[in-house]
Amino acid sequence: MTTRVICVLFCFVIISYLSYMKHLLHIFILVLFCNVMVAQQNLVPNASFENQSNCPTAEDQLIYATGWLNCGTGSPDLYHTCSASMDASVPKNRFGHQVPHAGNAYVGMFIHDGLEYREYIETALSATLSPGTKYYFSFYASLADTFSYSSSSIGAYFSNNLLSAGHYSPITVTNQIQNNAVNFFDSFTWKKVTGSFIASGGEHYLTLGNFRSGANSPSLAVNNSQPPYNSSRVYLYIDDLCLSSDSLYNATYTTAIASHDLETEDIKLYPNPASDYLEIDAHSNIEGITITTTNGAQIQVPIISGKQSMCVSIKDFEDGIYYLSLKCSTGLFGKKIVIQH
């Protein structure tokens, strides 16, 4: 075999090898991309309860939220803007006034009760968890207006099988996620609960609720001017859940927001609580201001066209919780306000 032939064969082998390695590189990049895409997704389906089989018309209709179930014999509630019933409407309903953290819906549930009554919500994850993988979980909660006590005792349990209970008492499990004991919820904001855990592998279901006894559930009296529905109970609105193996994705996740909170925008509303006046700095033209009472009555505030800031007199308002809706040239915004003379 001549030297020239040997060189040609050698070059062919090298080219074939490089082509093969390039192919492997493409496969590696594709696998890496797929893994990143899998990590950057929310494993909680219907995470803000937007998808529904029917519009809720009464209490105890969680089953209308696609994929969600009631765990135990308690009766969690589904709320949506489509409902005309005070038992299921948004933002005003029988337990208070709250806009969703995201979208048009949220769920309500009792997490604390002097008689150890509990409510739990449950769903199947969109994928089974992998052993040894670290997962990051979060959700938002807000205390309903008509309750005079708050609690921080709520957590999440991830299990291989559907969790079921034939009672409404606390379900005794070792839940992987537990809210910080000092992270008490209030009725003015949506507070975020976060946590992480290493999966054992095979977990396919999520259950959310208070897995602790009353004696081990921290409670806090809140300054609530509304008549209490039940002074010994704690009722939370729940919205915008997320489970992911990507910490950054989880930290920044939120479903597409339909109504914005003033705190997240370049809009200032102060003081809050207020006694005589409310100052509004919108940084865009104010086109309308509506103040809504907890009974649903609406007061239109006179405005001066073209103004980007206003001082609103609230001297004649009674003490209590109100909801201020602000229409600007850049969109609609809302915020709970407290008036205390």
C-alpha atoms as a PDB file:
ATOM      1  CA  MET A   1       0.000   0.000   0.000  1.00  0.00           C
ATOM      2  CA  THR A   2       1.469   3.309  -1.050  1.00  0.00           C
ATOM      3  CA  THR A   3       2.083   6.167   1.297  1.00  0.00           C
ATOM      4  CA  ARG A   4      -0.493   8.247  -0.586  1.00  0.00           C
ATOM      5  CA  VAL A   5      -3.203   5.618  -0.064  1.00  0.00           C
ATOM      6  CA  ILE A   6      -2.331   5.363   3.612  1.00  0.00           C
ATOM      7  CA  CYS A   7      -2.651   9.153   3.973  1.00  0.00           C
ATOM      8  CA  VAL A   8      -6.018   9.142   2.214  1.00  0.00           C
ATOM      9  CA  LEU A   9      -7.302   6.379   4.485  1.00  0.00           C
ATOM     10  CA  PHE A  10      -5.974   8.157   7.562  1.00  0.00           C
ATOM     11  CA  CYS A  11      -7.711  11.386   6.546  1.00  0.00           C
ATOM     12  CA  PHE A  12     -10.951   9.480   5.957  1.00  0.00           C
ATOM     13  CA  VAL A  13     -10.754   7.942   9.431  1.00  0.00           C
ATOM     14  CA  ILE A  14     -10.097  11.321  11.024  1.00  0.00           C
ATOM     15  CA  ILE A  15     -12.975  12.970   9.130  1.00  0.00           C
ATOM     16  CA  SER A  16     -15.317  10.110  10.094  1.00  0.00           C
ATOM     17  CA  TYR A  17     -14.231  10.391  13.733  1.00  0.00           C
ATOM     18  CA  LEU A  18     -14.741  14.158  13.793  1.00  0.00           C
ATOM     19  CA  SER A  19     -18.149  13.749  12.165  1.00  0.00           C
ATOM     20  CA  TYR A  20     -19.058  11.175  14.795  1.00  0.00           C
ATOM     21  CA  MET A  21     -17.883  13.437  17.635  1.00  0.00           C
ATOM     22  CA  LYS A  22     -19.823  16.332  16.154  1.00  0.00           C
ATOM     23  CA  HIS A  23     -22.891  14.116  16.089  1.00  0.00           C
ATOM     24  CA  LEU A  24     -22.333  13.210  19.736  1.00  0.00           C
ATOM     25  CA  LEU A  25     -21.939  16.888  20.582  1.00  0.00           C
ATOM     26  CA  HIS A  26     -25.247  17.639  18.925  1.00  0.00           C
ATOM     27  CA  ILE A  27     -26.882  14.840  20.881  1.00  0.00           C
ATOM     28  CA  PHE A  28     -25.312  16.128  24.120  1.00  0.00           C
ATOM     29  CA  ILE A  29     -26.521  19.661  23.457  1.00  0.00           C
ATOM     30  CA  LEU A  30     -30.001  18.375  22.636  1.00  0.00           C
ATOM     31  CA  VAL A  31     -30.173  16.297  25.830  1.00  0.00           C
ATOM     32  CA  LEU A  32     -28.872  19.238  27.879  1.00  0.00           C
ATOM     33  CA  PHE A  33     -31.442  21.550  26.305  1.00  0.00           C
ATOM     34  CA  CYS A  34     -34.262  19.091  27.028  1.00  0.00           C
ATOM     35  CA  ASN A  35     -33.139  18.762  30.651  1.00  0.00           C
ATOM     36  CA  VAL A  36     -33.098  22.532  31.054  1.00  0.00           C
ATOM     37  CA  MET A  37     -36.549  22.815  29.504  1.00  0.00           C
ATOM     38  CA  VAL A  38     -37.894  20.110  31.822  1.00  0.00           C
ATOM     39  CA  ALA A  39     -36.390  21.907  34.832  1.00  0.00           C
ATOM     40  CA  GLN A  40     -37.887  25.210  33.731  1.00  0.00           C
ATOM     41  CA  GLN A  41     -41.490  24.194  34.009  1.00  0.00           C
ATOM     42  CA  ASN A  42     -44.080  24.188  36.743  1.00  0.00           C
ATOM     43  CA  LEU A  43     -44.918  20.629  37.770  1.00  0.00           C
ATOM     44  CA  VAL A  44     -48.150  21.789  39.450  1.00  0.00           C
ATOM     45  CA  PRO A  45     -50.908  21.665  36.815  1.00  0.00           C
ATOM     46  CA  ASN A  46     -53.599  24.357  36.870  1.00  0.00           C
ATOM     47  CA  ALA A  47     -51.441  26.165  39.422  1.00  0.00           C
ATOM     48  CA  SER A  48     -53.721  29.182  39.846  1.00  0.00           C
ATOM     49  CA  PHE A  49     -57.026  27.331  39.373  1.00  0.00           C
ATOM     50  CA  GLU A  50     -57.850  29.104  36.098  1.00  0.00           C
ATOM     51  CA  ASN A  51     -58.975  25.960  34.244  1.00  0.00           C
ATOM     52  CA  GLN A  52     -62.446  24.927  35.400  1.00  0.00           C
ATOM     53  CA  SER A  53     -65.090  22.469  34.273  1.00  0.00           C
ATOM     54  CA  ASN A  54     -67.841  24.793  35.538  1.00  0.00           C
ATOM     55  CA  CYS A  55     -68.094  28.261  37.003  1.00  0.00           C
ATOM     56  CA  PRO A  56     -68.507  27.917  40.799  1.00  0.00           C
ATOM     57  CA  THR A  57     -71.945  28.923  42.084  1.00  0.00           C
ATOM     58  CA  ALA A  58     -71.664  27.987  45.770  1.00  0.00           C
ATOM     59  CA  GLU A  59     -69.210  27.011  48.486  1.00  0.00           C
ATOM     60  CA  ASP A  60     -67.464  23.617  48.506  1.00  0.00           C
ATOM     61  CA  GLN A  61     -66.928  23.399  44.724  1.00  0.00           C
ATOM     62  CA  LEU A  62     -63.183  22.804  44.495  1.00  0.00           C
ATOM     63  CA  ILE A  63     -63.972  19.856  42.223  1.00  0.00           C
ATOM     64  CA  TYR A  64     -64.705  22.354  39.411  1.00  0.00           C
ATOM     65  CA  ALA A  65     -61.007  23.320  39.351  1.00  0.00           C
ATOM     66  CA  THR A  66     -59.522  20.929  36.791  1.00  0.00           C
ATOM     67  CA  GLY A  67     -57.193  18.386  38.385  1.00  0.00           C
ATOM     68  CA  TRP A  68     -57.791  19.438  41.996  1.00  0.00           C
ATOM     69  CA  LEU A  69     -59.369  17.289  44.712  1.00  0.00           C
ATOM     70  CA  ASN A  70     -60.487  17.663  48.296  1.00  0.00           C
ATOM     71  CA  CYS A  71     -58.444  15.523  50.681  1.00  0.00           C
ATOM     72  CA  GLY A  72     -60.395  14.539  53.783  1.00  0.00           C
ATOM     73  CA  THR A  73     -63.991  15.432  54.623  1.00  0.00           C
ATOM     74  CA  GLY A  74     -63.429  19.196  54.860  1.00  0.00           C
ATOM     75  CA  SER A  75     -64.798  21.476  52.158  1.00  0.00           C
ATOM     76  CA  PRO A  76     -62.311  23.854  50.443  1.00  0.00           C
ATOM     77  CA  ASP A  77     -63.878  26.551  48.275  1.00  0.00           C
ATOM     78  CA  LEU A  78     -63.230  27.739  44.714  1.00  0.00           C
ATOM     79  CA  TYR A  79     -63.564  31.427  43.807  1.00  0.00           C
ATOM     80  CA  HIS A  80     -63.650  32.936  40.307  1.00  0.00           C
ATOM     81  CA  THR A  81     -64.535  36.243  38.654  1.00  0.00           C
ATOM     82  CA  CYS A  82     -67.134  34.396  36.532  1.00  0.00           C
ATOM     83  CA  SER A  83     -69.300  33.688  39.585  1.00  0.00           C
ATOM     84  CA  ALA A  84     -72.258  35.880  40.559  1.00  0.00           C
ATOM     85  CA  SER A  85     -72.635  34.130  43.927  1.00  0.00           C
ATOM     86  CA  MET A  86     -71.177  35.684  47.078  1.00  0.00           C
ATOM     87  CA  ASP A  87     -70.138  32.154  48.052  1.00  0.00           C
ATOM     88  CA  ALA A  88     -67.721  31.937  45.124  1.00  0.00           C
ATOM     89  CA  SER A  89     -67.188  35.382  43.574  1.00  0.00           C
ATOM     90  CA  VAL A  90     -64.017  37.450  43.087  1.00  0.00           C
ATOM     91  CA  PRO A  91     -62.914  39.905  44.370  1.00  0.00           C
ATOM     92  CA  LYS A  92     -65.775  40.282  46.876  1.00  0.00           C
ATOM     93  CA  ASN A  93     -67.084  37.141  48.564  1.00  0.00           C
ATOM     94  CA  ARG A  94     -68.597  36.020  51.860  1.00  0.00           C
ATOM     95  CA  PHE A  95     -65.256  35.960  53.703  1.00  0.00           C
ATOM     96  CA  GLY A  96     -63.731  39.184  52.425  1.00  0.00           C
ATOM     97  CA  HIS A  97     -62.385  41.146  49.484  1.00  0.00           C
ATOM     98  CA  GLN A  98     -59.267  40.013  47.636  1.00  0.00           C
ATOM     99  CA  VAL A  99     -58.116  40.166  44.019  1.00  0.00           C
ATOM    100  CA  PRO A 100     -56.253  37.050  42.800  1.00  0.00           C
ATOM    101  CA  HIS A 101     -52.497  37.049  42.982  1.00  0.00           C
ATOM    102  CA  ALA A 102     -52.622  35.848  39.387  1.00  0.00           C
ATOM    103  CA  GLY A 103     -55.372  35.356  36.836  1.00  0.00           C
ATOM    104  CA  ASN A 104     -59.036  35.305  37.840  1.00  0.00           C
ATOM    105  CA  ALA A 105     -59.346  32.592  40.490  1.00  0.00           C
ATOM    106  CA  TYR A 106     -58.120  31.274  43.823  1.00  0.00           C
ATOM    107  CA  VAL A 107     -59.024  28.650  46.429  1.00  0.00           C
ATOM    108  CA  GLY A 108     -60.053  29.211  50.053  1.00  0.00           C
ATOM    109  CA  MET A 109     -59.504  26.817  52.946  1.00  0.00           C
ATOM    110  CA  PHE A 110     -59.533  26.585  56.751  1.00  0.00           C
ATOM    111  CA  ILE A 111     -56.099  25.803  58.192  1.00  0.00           C
ATOM    112  CA  HIS A 112     -56.723  26.291  61.908  1.00  0.00           C
ATOM    113  CA  ASP A 113     -59.680  25.726  64.200  1.00  0.00           C
ATOM    114  CA  GLY A 114     -60.253  25.355  67.920  1.00  0.00           C
ATOM    115  CA  LEU A 115     -61.962  22.008  67.241  1.00  0.00           C
ATOM    116  CA  GLU A 116     -59.076  20.738  65.057  1.00  0.00           C
ATOM    117  CA  TYR A 117     -61.060  21.139  61.834  1.00  0.00           C
ATOM    118  CA  ARG A 118     -58.831  21.089  58.729  1.00  0.00           C
ATOM    119  CA  GLU A 119     -59.214  21.449  54.973  1.00  0.00           C
ATOM    120  CA  TYR A 120     -56.729  20.143  52.378  1.00  0.00           C
ATOM    121  CA  ILE A 121     -56.380  20.444  48.611  1.00  0.00           C
ATOM    122  CA  GLU A 122     -54.647  17.840  46.457  1.00  0.00           C
ATOM    123  CA  THR A 123     -53.530  17.328  42.859  1.00  0.00           C
ATOM    124  CA  ALA A 124     -51.431  14.966  40.742  1.00  0.00           C
ATOM    125  CA  LEU A 125     -48.154  16.450  39.521  1.00  0.00           C
ATOM    126  CA  SER A 126     -47.477  16.627  35.792  1.00  0.00           C
ATOM    127  CA  ALA A 127     -44.391  14.412  36.254  1.00  0.00           C
ATOM    128  CA  THR A 128     -43.096  11.960  38.854  1.00  0.00           C
ATOM    129  CA  LEU A 129     -40.215  13.326  40.941  1.00  0.00           C
ATOM    130  CA  SER A 130     -36.724  11.940  40.413  1.00  0.00           C
ATOM    131  CA  PRO A 131     -34.744  10.465  43.334  1.00  0.00           C
ATOM    132  CA  GLY A 132     -31.935  12.634  44.676  1.00  0.00           C
ATOM    133  CA  THR A 133     -33.150  15.729  42.825  1.00  0.00           C
ATOM    134  CA  LYS A 134     -33.691  18.969  44.725  1.00  0.00           C
ATOM    135  CA  TYR A 135     -37.065  20.596  44.107  1.00  0.00           C
ATOM    136  CA  TYR A 136     -38.223  24.112  44.956  1.00  0.00           C
ATOM    137  CA  PHE A 137     -41.838  24.768  45.954  1.00  0.00           C
ATOM    138  CA  SER A 138     -43.771  28.008  46.483  1.00  0.00           C
ATOM    139  CA  PHE A 139     -47.285  29.383  46.734  1.00  0.00           C
ATOM    140  CA  TYR A 140     -49.074  32.549  47.809  1.00  0.00           C
ATOM    141  CA  ALA A 141     -51.616  32.955  50.622  1.00  0.00           C
ATOM    142  CA  SER A 142     -53.730  35.769  52.037  1.00  0.00           C
ATOM    143  CA  LEU A 143     -55.884  35.882  55.168  1.00  0.00           C
ATOM    144  CA  ALA A 144     -59.611  36.438  54.579  1.00  0.00           C
ATOM    145  CA  ASP A 145     -60.884  39.758  55.970  1.00  0.00           C
ATOM    146  CA  THR A 146     -63.538  38.446  58.356  1.00  0.00           C
ATOM    147  CA  PHE A 147     -61.259  36.441  60.626  1.00  0.00           C
ATOM    148  CA  SER A 148     -59.725  37.898  63.755  1.00  0.00           C
ATOM    149  CA  TYR A 149     -56.851  35.406  64.033  1.00  0.00           C
ATOM    150  CA  SER A 150     -54.044  34.454  61.678  1.00  0.00           C
ATOM    151  CA  SER A 151     -51.701  31.456  61.646  1.00  0.00           C
ATOM    152  CA  SER A 152     -48.449  30.514  59.973  1.00  0.00           C
ATOM    153  CA  SER A 153     -49.054  26.779  60.116  1.00  0.00           C
ATOM    154  CA  ILE A 154     -49.394  25.501  56.563  1.00  0.00           C
ATOM    155  CA  GLY A 155     -47.248  23.185  54.477  1.00  0.00           C
ATOM    156  CA  ALA A 156     -47.038  20.814  51.531  1.00  0.00           C
ATOM    157  CA  TYR A 157     -46.711  17.033  51.412  1.00  0.00           C
ATOM    158  CA  PHE A 158     -45.483  15.138  48.346  1.00  0.00           C
ATOM    159  CA  SER A 159     -46.445  11.470  48.172  1.00  0.00           C
ATOM    160  CA  ASN A 160     -46.230   8.517  45.805  1.00  0.00           C
ATOM    161  CA  ASN A 161     -49.932   7.783  46.123  1.00  0.00           C
ATOM    162  CA  LEU A 162     -53.074   9.843  46.448  1.00  0.00           C
ATOM    163  CA  LEU A 163     -53.490  10.923  50.075  1.00  0.00           C
ATOM    164  CA  SER A 164     -56.965  10.242  51.433  1.00  0.00           C
ATOM    165  CA  ALA A 165     -58.612  10.646  54.829  1.00  0.00           C
ATOM    166  CA  GLY A 166     -62.111   9.825  56.043  1.00  0.00           C
ATOM    167  CA  HIS A 167     -62.149  12.661  58.566  1.00  0.00           C
ATOM    168  CA  TYR A 168     -61.642  16.434  58.861  1.00  0.00           C
ATOM    169  CA  SER A 169     -59.008  16.282  61.607  1.00  0.00           C
ATOM    170  CA  PRO A 170     -55.289  17.006  61.062  1.00  0.00           C
ATOM    171  CA  ILE A 171     -53.649  14.468  58.739  1.00  0.00           C
ATOM    172  CA  THR A 172     -50.496  13.184  60.411  1.00  0.00           C
ATOM    173  CA  VAL A 173     -47.646  12.999  57.888  1.00  0.00           C
ATOM    174  CA  THR A 174     -44.090  14.306  57.727  1.00  0.00           C
ATOM    175  CA  ASN A 175     -44.550  17.083  55.185  1.00  0.00           C
ATOM    176  CA  GLN A 176     -41.482  18.182  53.219  1.00  0.00           C
ATOM    177  CA  ILE A 177     -42.427  21.890  53.110  1.00  0.00           C
ATOM    178  CA  GLN A 178     -43.461  23.939  56.151  1.00  0.00           C
ATOM    179  CA  ASN A 179     -44.046  27.687  56.293  1.00  0.00           C
ATOM    180  CA  ASN A 180     -41.797  29.707  58.573  1.00  0.00           C
ATOM    181  CA  ALA A 181     -43.375  29.911  62.041  1.00  0.00           C
ATOM    182  CA  VAL A 182     -43.178  33.721  62.073  1.00  0.00           C
ATOM    183  CA  ASN A 183     -44.538  34.205  58.542  1.00  0.00           C
ATOM    184  CA  PHE A 184     -48.097  35.064  59.608  1.00  0.00           C
ATOM    185  CA  PHE A 185     -50.592  35.944  56.885  1.00  0.00           C
ATOM    186  CA  ASP A 186     -52.572  39.177  56.697  1.00  0.00           C
ATOM    187  CA  SER A 187     -55.541  40.325  54.631  1.00  0.00           C
ATOM    188  CA  PHE A 188     -53.740  43.176  52.861  1.00  0.00           C
ATOM    189  CA  THR A 189     -51.179  41.295  50.802  1.00  0.00           C
ATOM    190  CA  TRP A 190     -50.386  37.944  49.211  1.00  0.00           C
ATOM    191  CA  LYS A 191     -47.501  36.444  51.175  1.00  0.00           C
ATOM    192  CA  LYS A 192     -45.194  33.960  49.504  1.00  0.00           C
ATOM    193  CA  VAL A 193     -44.337  30.630  51.121  1.00  0.00           C
ATOM    194  CA  THR A 194     -41.182  28.915  49.845  1.00  0.00           C
ATOM    195  CA  GLY A 195     -39.200  25.784  50.581  1.00  0.00           C
ATOM    196  CA  SER A 196     -37.080  23.036  49.046  1.00  0.00           C
ATOM    197  CA  PHE A 197     -36.500  19.317  49.547  1.00  0.00           C
ATOM    198  CA  ILE A 198     -34.620  16.343  48.086  1.00  0.00           C
ATOM    199  CA  ALA A 199     -37.034  13.900  46.465  1.00  0.00           C
ATOM    200  CA  SER A 200     -36.898  10.248  47.466  1.00  0.00           C
ATOM    201  CA  GLY A 201     -38.235   9.368  44.023  1.00  0.00           C
ATOM    202  CA  GLY A 202     -41.701   8.343  42.930  1.00  0.00           C
ATOM    203  CA  GLU A 203     -43.566  11.307  44.461  1.00  0.00           C
ATOM    204  CA  HIS A 204     -46.469  12.109  42.153  1.00  0.00           C
ATOM    205  CA  TYR A 205     -49.037  13.906  44.325  1.00  0.00           C
ATOM    206  CA  LEU A 206     -49.137  17.239  46.166  1.00  0.00           C
ATOM    207  CA  THR A 207     -51.307  17.907  49.225  1.00  0.00           C
ATOM    208  CA  LEU A 208     -51.509  21.403  50.755  1.00  0.00           C
ATOM    209  CA  GLY A 209     -52.808  22.240  54.225  1.00  0.00           C
ATOM    210  CA  ASN A 210     -51.992  22.322  57.941  1.00  0.00           C
ATOM    211  CA  PHE A 211     -50.628  18.963  59.066  1.00  0.00           C
ATOM    212  CA  ARG A 212     -50.053  20.043  62.660  1.00  0.00           C
ATOM    213  CA  SER A 213     -52.273  19.919  65.721  1.00  0.00           C
ATOM    214  CA  GLY A 214     -53.791  23.064  67.161  1.00  0.00           C
ATOM    215  CA  ALA A 215     -51.293  23.032  70.009  1.00  0.00           C
ATOM    216  CA  ASN A 216     -48.433  23.075  67.488  1.00  0.00           C
ATOM    217  CA  SER A 217     -50.003  25.648  65.142  1.00  0.00           C
ATOM    218  CA  PRO A 218     -48.855  29.216  65.930  1.00  0.00           C
ATOM    219  CA  SER A 219     -51.690  31.762  65.945  1.00  0.00           C
ATOM    220  CA  LEU A 220     -51.780  35.531  66.120  1.00  0.00           C
ATOM    221  CA  ALA A 221     -54.573  37.995  66.904  1.00  0.00           C
ATOM    222  CA  VAL A 222     -54.901  40.520  64.081  1.00  0.00           C
ATOM    223  CA  ASN A 223     -56.253  44.040  64.147  1.00  0.00           C
ATOM    224  CA  ASN A 224     -59.266  43.458  61.938  1.00  0.00           C
ATOM    225  CA  SER A 225     -62.110  45.956  62.036  1.00  0.00           C
ATOM    226  CA  GLN A 226     -64.520  43.589  60.270  1.00  0.00           C
ATOM    227  CA  PRO A 227     -66.959  41.468  62.315  1.00  0.00           C
ATOM    228  CA  PRO A 228     -65.293  38.057  62.739  1.00  0.00           C
ATOM    229  CA  TYR A 229     -66.904  35.109  60.993  1.00  0.00           C
ATOM    230  CA  ASN A 230     -65.451  32.809  63.586  1.00  0.00           C
ATOM    231  CA  SER A 231     -62.867  34.078  66.028  1.00  0.00           C
ATOM    232  CA  SER A 232     -61.331  30.650  66.594  1.00  0.00           C
ATOM    233  CA  ARG A 233     -60.770  29.811  62.916  1.00  0.00           C
ATOM    234  CA  VAL A 234     -58.174  30.824  60.311  1.00  0.00           C
ATOM    235  CA  TYR A 235     -59.181  30.901  56.638  1.00  0.00           C
ATOM    236  CA  LEU A 236     -56.692  31.512  53.826  1.00  0.00           C
ATOM    237  CA  TYR A 237     -56.989  32.283  50.133  1.00  0.00           C
ATOM    238  CA  ILE A 238     -54.454  30.221  48.121  1.00  0.00           C
ATOM    239  CA  ASP A 239     -53.062  31.031  44.666  1.00  0.00           C
ATOM    240  CA  ASP A 240     -50.161  30.595  42.239  1.00  0.00           C
ATOM    241  CA  LEU A 241     -48.407  27.354  43.276  1.00  0.00           C
ATOM    242  CA  CYS A 242     -45.116  26.291  41.689  1.00  0.00           C
ATOM    243  CA  LEU A 243     -42.851  23.218  41.879  1.00  0.00           C
ATOM    244  CA  SER A 244     -39.630  23.078  39.878  1.00  0.00           C
ATOM    245  CA  SER A 245     -36.101  21.703  40.043  1.00  0.00           C
ATOM    246  CA  ASP A 246     -34.882  25.117  38.824  1.00  0.00           C
ATOM    247  CA  SER A 247     -34.500  27.512  41.766  1.00  0.00           C
ATOM    248  CA  LEU A 248     -34.438  30.651  39.616  1.00  0.00           C
ATOM    249  CA  TYR A 249     -37.518  29.592  37.675  1.00  0.00           C
ATOM    250  CA  ASN A 250     -39.376  28.964  40.930  1.00  0.00           C
ATOM    251  CA  ALA A 251     -38.237  32.252  42.449  1.00  0.00           C
ATOM    252  CA  THR A 252     -39.521  34.274  39.499  1.00  0.00           C
ATOM    253  CA  TYR A 253     -42.582  32.208  38.594  1.00  0.00           C
ATOM    254  CA  THR A 254     -46.047  33.674  38.459  1.00  0.00           C
ATOM    255  CA  THR A 255     -49.017  32.950  36.260  1.00  0.00           C
ATOM    256  CA  ALA A 256     -49.951  35.770  33.863  1.00  0.00           C
ATOM    257  CA  ILE A 257     -51.352  38.466  36.125  1.00  0.00           C
ATOM    258  CA  ALA A 258     -54.737  39.902  35.221  1.00  0.00           C
ATOM    259  CA  SER A 259     -54.852  42.676  37.825  1.00  0.00           C
ATOM    260  CA  HIS A 260     -51.747  44.353  39.228  1.00  0.00           C
ATOM    261  CA  ASP A 261     -50.993  45.250  42.802  1.00  0.00           C
ATOM    262  CA  LEU A 262     -49.734  48.769  43.393  1.00  0.00           C
ATOM    263  CA  GLU A 263     -46.695  47.456  45.271  1.00  0.00           C
ATOM    264  CA  THR A 264     -45.376  45.801  42.120  1.00  0.00           C
ATOM    265  CA  GLU A 265     -45.748  48.890  39.944  1.00  0.00           C
ATOM    266  CA  ASP A 266     -44.099  52.295  39.806  1.00  0.00           C
ATOM    267  CA  ILE A 267     -47.111  53.728  41.635  1.00  0.00           C
ATOM    268  CA  LYS A 268     -47.099  55.062  45.177  1.00  0.00           C
ATOM    269  CA  LEU A 269     -50.084  55.116  47.534  1.00  0.00           C
ATOM    270  CA  TYR A 270     -49.522  56.522  51.029  1.00  0.00           C
ATOM    271  CA  PRO A 271     -50.036  56.543  53.929  1.00  0.00           C
ATOM    272  CA  ASN A 272     -51.631  53.137  54.443  1.00  0.00           C
ATOM    273  CA  PRO A 273     -53.311  52.934  56.948  1.00  0.00           C
ATOM    274  CA  ALA A 274     -54.617  56.462  56.425  1.00  0.00           C
ATOM    275  CA  SER A 275     -56.828  58.787  58.441  1.00  0.00           C
ATOM    276  CA  ASP A 276     -57.579  62.002  56.530  1.00  0.00           C
ATOM    277  CA  TYR A 277     -55.915  61.904  53.098  1.00  0.00           C
ATOM    278  CA  LEU A 278     -54.468  59.445  50.598  1.00  0.00           C
ATOM    279  CA  GLU A 279     -51.648  60.557  48.340  1.00  0.00           C
ATOM    280  CA  ILE A 280     -51.429  58.884  44.909  1.00  0.00           C
ATOM    281  CA  ASP A 281     -48.394  59.203  42.614  1.00  0.00           C
ATOM    282  CA  ALA A 282     -49.120  57.298  39.407  1.00  0.00           C
ATOM    283  CA  HIS A 283     -46.359  58.484  37.018  1.00  0.00           C
ATOM    284  CA  SER A 284     -48.987  58.301  34.264  1.00  0.00           C
ATOM    285  CA  ASN A 285     -52.265  60.107  33.657  1.00  0.00           C
ATOM    286  CA  ILE A 286     -54.974  59.180  36.171  1.00  0.00           C
ATOM    287  CA  GLU A 287     -58.227  58.408  34.369  1.00  0.00           C
ATOM    288  CA  GLY A 288     -60.380  57.117  37.212  1.00  0.00           C
ATOM    289  CA  ILE A 289     -60.411  56.212  40.922  1.00  0.00           C
ATOM    290  CA  THR A 290     -62.959  53.915  42.562  1.00  0.00           C
ATOM    291  CA  ILE A 291     -63.057  52.997  46.252  1.00  0.00           C
ATOM    292  CA  THR A 292     -65.052  49.863  47.104  1.00  0.00           C
ATOM    293  CA  THR A 293     -66.306  48.934  50.579  1.00  0.00           C
ATOM    294  CA  THR A 294     -66.338  45.372  51.909  1.00  0.00           C
ATOM    295  CA  ASN A 295     -70.101  45.389  51.321  1.00  0.00           C
ATOM    296  CA  GLY A 296     -69.548  46.020  47.620  1.00  0.00           C
ATOM    297  CA  ALA A 297     -70.608  49.701  47.575  1.00  0.00           C
ATOM    298  CA  GLN A 298     -68.538  51.766  45.137  1.00  0.00           C
ATOM    299  CA  ILE A 299     -67.535  55.417  45.507  1.00  0.00           C
ATOM    300  CA  GLN A 300     -66.274  57.246  42.424  1.00  0.00           C
ATOM    301  CA  VAL A 301     -63.594  59.788  43.319  1.00  0.00           C
ATOM    302  CA  PRO A 302     -63.662  63.047  41.278  1.00  0.00           C
ATOM    303  CA  ILE A 303     -60.458  63.521  39.294  1.00  0.00           C
ATOM    304  CA  ILE A 304     -58.797  66.293  37.310  1.00  0.00           C
ATOM    305  CA  SER A 305     -58.012  65.174  33.770  1.00  0.00           C
ATOM    306  CA  GLY A 306     -54.301  64.943  32.893  1.00  0.00           C
ATOM    307  CA  LYS A 307     -53.067  64.721  36.511  1.00  0.00           C
ATOM    308  CA  GLN A 308     -50.465  62.098  37.451  1.00  0.00           C
ATOM    309  CA  SER A 309     -50.761  62.625  41.204  1.00  0.00           C
ATOM    310  CA  MET A 310     -53.718  63.322  43.493  1.00  0.00           C
ATOM    311  CA  CYS A 311     -54.621  63.887  47.113  1.00  0.00           C
ATOM    312  CA  VAL A 312     -57.869  62.086  48.001  1.00  0.00           C
ATOM    313  CA  SER A 313     -59.856  63.144  51.068  1.00  0.00           C
ATOM    314  CA  ILE A 314     -61.101  60.217  53.167  1.00  0.00           C
ATOM    315  CA  LYS A 315     -62.268  62.206  56.197  1.00  0.00           C
ATOM    316  CA  ASP A 316     -65.879  61.134  55.679  1.00  0.00           C
ATOM    317  CA  PHE A 317     -65.125  57.418  55.342  1.00  0.00           C
ATOM    318  CA  GLU A 318     -65.812  55.102  58.259  1.00  0.00           C
ATOM    319  CA  ASP A 319     -62.968  53.067  59.734  1.00  0.00           C
ATOM    320  CA  GLY A 320     -62.422  49.797  57.916  1.00  0.00           C
ATOM    321  CA  ILE A 321     -60.880  47.998  54.950  1.00  0.00           C
ATOM    322  CA  TYR A 322     -61.464  49.286  51.418  1.00  0.00           C
ATOM    323  CA  TYR A 323     -60.263  48.440  47.938  1.00  0.00           C
ATOM    324  CA  LEU A 324     -58.946  51.219  45.721  1.00  0.00           C
ATOM    325  CA  SER A 325     -59.049  50.702  41.948  1.00  0.00           C
ATOM    326  CA  LEU A 326     -56.897  53.054  39.916  1.00  0.00           C
ATOM    327  CA  LYS A 327     -57.312  53.457  36.169  1.00  0.00           C
ATOM    328  CA  CYS A 328     -54.318  55.041  34.469  1.00  0.00           C
ATOM    329  CA  SER A 329     -53.202  55.523  30.913  1.00  0.00           C
ATOM    330  CA  THR A 330     -50.895  52.521  31.452  1.00  0.00           C
ATOM    331  CA  GLY A 331     -53.578  50.133  32.763  1.00  0.00           C
ATOM    332  CA  LEU A 332     -55.716  49.127  35.747  1.00  0.00           C
ATOM    333  CA  PHE A 333     -54.252  48.729  39.216  1.00  0.00           C
ATOM    334  CA  GLY A 334     -55.650  47.859  42.634  1.00  0.00           C
ATOM    335  CA  LYS A 335     -54.728  47.976  46.293  1.00  0.00           C
ATOM    336  CA  LYS A 336     -56.327  47.299  49.662  1.00  0.00           C
ATOM    337  CA  ILE A 337     -56.341  50.297  51.958  1.00  0.00           C
ATOM    338  CA  VAL A 338     -57.105  50.685  55.660  1.00  0.00           C
ATOM    339  CA  ILE A 339     -58.821  53.784  57.037  1.00  0.00           C
ATOM    340  CA  GLN A 340     -58.342  54.514  60.726  1.00  0.00           C
ATOM    341  CA  HIS A 341     -59.342  57.897  62.139  1.00  0.00           C
END
